[in-house]
Amino acid sequence: MTPRQARTVPTALVLHPGSLREEWCPDCRAFTQITADLLLMSPDGVSTAGAVSFCEVCEDPDSPLPPPRIPRG
């Protein structure tokens, strides 16, 4: 039996969600938006790549919000 050669893993970037937090949703005007920072992990360290958010009321596929009404004044 021959010994296995060690495989070299290429240095890759990994995108990982950070801690979740609740925020104010400007569309439905409620504290129902969930936001997480996107952390980019690289061989040089960790940096913030942006944020992703989701509103559990506005983006519910089972009961979507009605279209906004346009005030006629």
Protein backbone atom coordinates (compact mmCIF):
# COMPACT_ATOMS: atom_id res chain seq x y z
CA MET A 1 0.00 0.00 0.00
CA THR A 2 1.38 3.38 -0.95
CA PRO A 3 1.01 6.42 1.32
CA ARG A 4 -1.46 9.06 0.21
CA GLN A 5 -0.15 12.37 -0.90
CA ALA A 6 -1.45 15.37 0.98
CA ARG A 7 -4.00 17.28 -1.04
CA THR A 8 -3.51 20.99 -1.26
CA VAL A 9 -6.67 22.96 -0.79
CA PRO A 10 -6.78 26.07 -2.96
CA THR A 11 -7.20 29.29 -1.02
CA ALA A 12 -10.83 30.21 -1.42
CA LEU A 13 -13.15 32.91 -0.26
CA VAL A 14 -16.01 31.87 1.99
CA LEU A 15 -19.18 33.94 2.44
CA HIS A 16 -20.82 33.49 5.84
CA PRO A 17 -23.90 35.21 7.35
CA GLY A 18 -23.30 37.08 10.58
CA SER A 19 -25.63 37.46 13.55
CA LEU A 20 -29.30 38.09 12.83
CA ARG A 21 -31.02 41.22 14.08
CA GLU A 22 -34.50 42.70 13.78
CA GLU A 23 -34.96 46.03 12.07
CA TRP A 24 -37.72 48.39 11.03
CA CYS A 25 -39.26 47.62 7.62
CA PRO A 26 -40.06 50.88 5.79
CA ASP A 27 -42.55 49.16 3.44
CA CYS A 28 -44.94 47.56 5.94
CA ARG A 29 -43.95 49.92 8.80
CA ALA A 30 -43.32 47.25 11.40
CA PHE A 31 -40.38 45.71 13.26
CA THR A 32 -40.48 42.58 11.06
CA GLN A 33 -37.34 42.88 8.92
CA ILE A 34 -34.52 40.43 9.67
CA THR A 35 -31.03 41.58 8.66
CA ALA A 36 -27.64 39.85 8.71
CA ASP A 37 -24.21 41.12 7.72
CA LEU A 38 -22.37 39.08 5.10
CA LEU A 39 -18.88 38.19 6.30
CA LEU A 40 -16.21 37.44 3.70
CA MET A 41 -13.57 35.07 5.05
CA SER A 42 -10.29 34.98 3.18
CA PRO A 43 -6.73 33.94 3.98
CA ASP A 44 -6.01 37.60 4.82
CA GLY A 45 -8.80 37.84 7.42
CA VAL A 46 -12.49 38.60 7.78
CA SER A 47 -14.25 41.61 6.26
CA THR A 48 -17.85 42.74 5.86
CA ALA A 49 -19.08 42.29 2.30
CA GLY A 50 -22.54 43.79 2.73
CA ALA A 51 -25.86 42.92 4.31
CA VAL A 52 -28.89 40.87 3.40
CA SER A 53 -32.40 41.50 4.72
CA PHE A 54 -35.77 39.78 4.61
CA CYS A 55 -39.16 41.03 5.81
CA GLU A 56 -41.40 38.24 7.06
CA VAL A 57 -44.55 40.27 6.27
CA CYS A 58 -43.69 41.88 2.91
CA GLU A 59 -42.07 38.79 1.39
CA ASP A 60 -44.58 36.15 2.55
CA PRO A 61 -45.55 34.13 -0.57
CA ASP A 62 -48.74 32.73 1.04
CA SER A 63 -50.34 36.10 1.80
CA PRO A 64 -48.76 38.94 -0.20
CA LEU A 65 -49.47 42.55 0.67
CA PRO A 66 -52.04 44.39 -1.49
CA PRO A 67 -50.66 46.89 -4.00
CA PRO A 68 -50.10 50.37 -2.54
CA ARG A 69 -52.91 52.87 -3.00
CA ILE A 70 -52.15 56.06 -4.84
CA PRO A 71 -53.70 59.10 -3.13
CA ARG A 72 -55.81 61.13 -5.55
CA GLY A 73 -55.93 64.66 -4.21
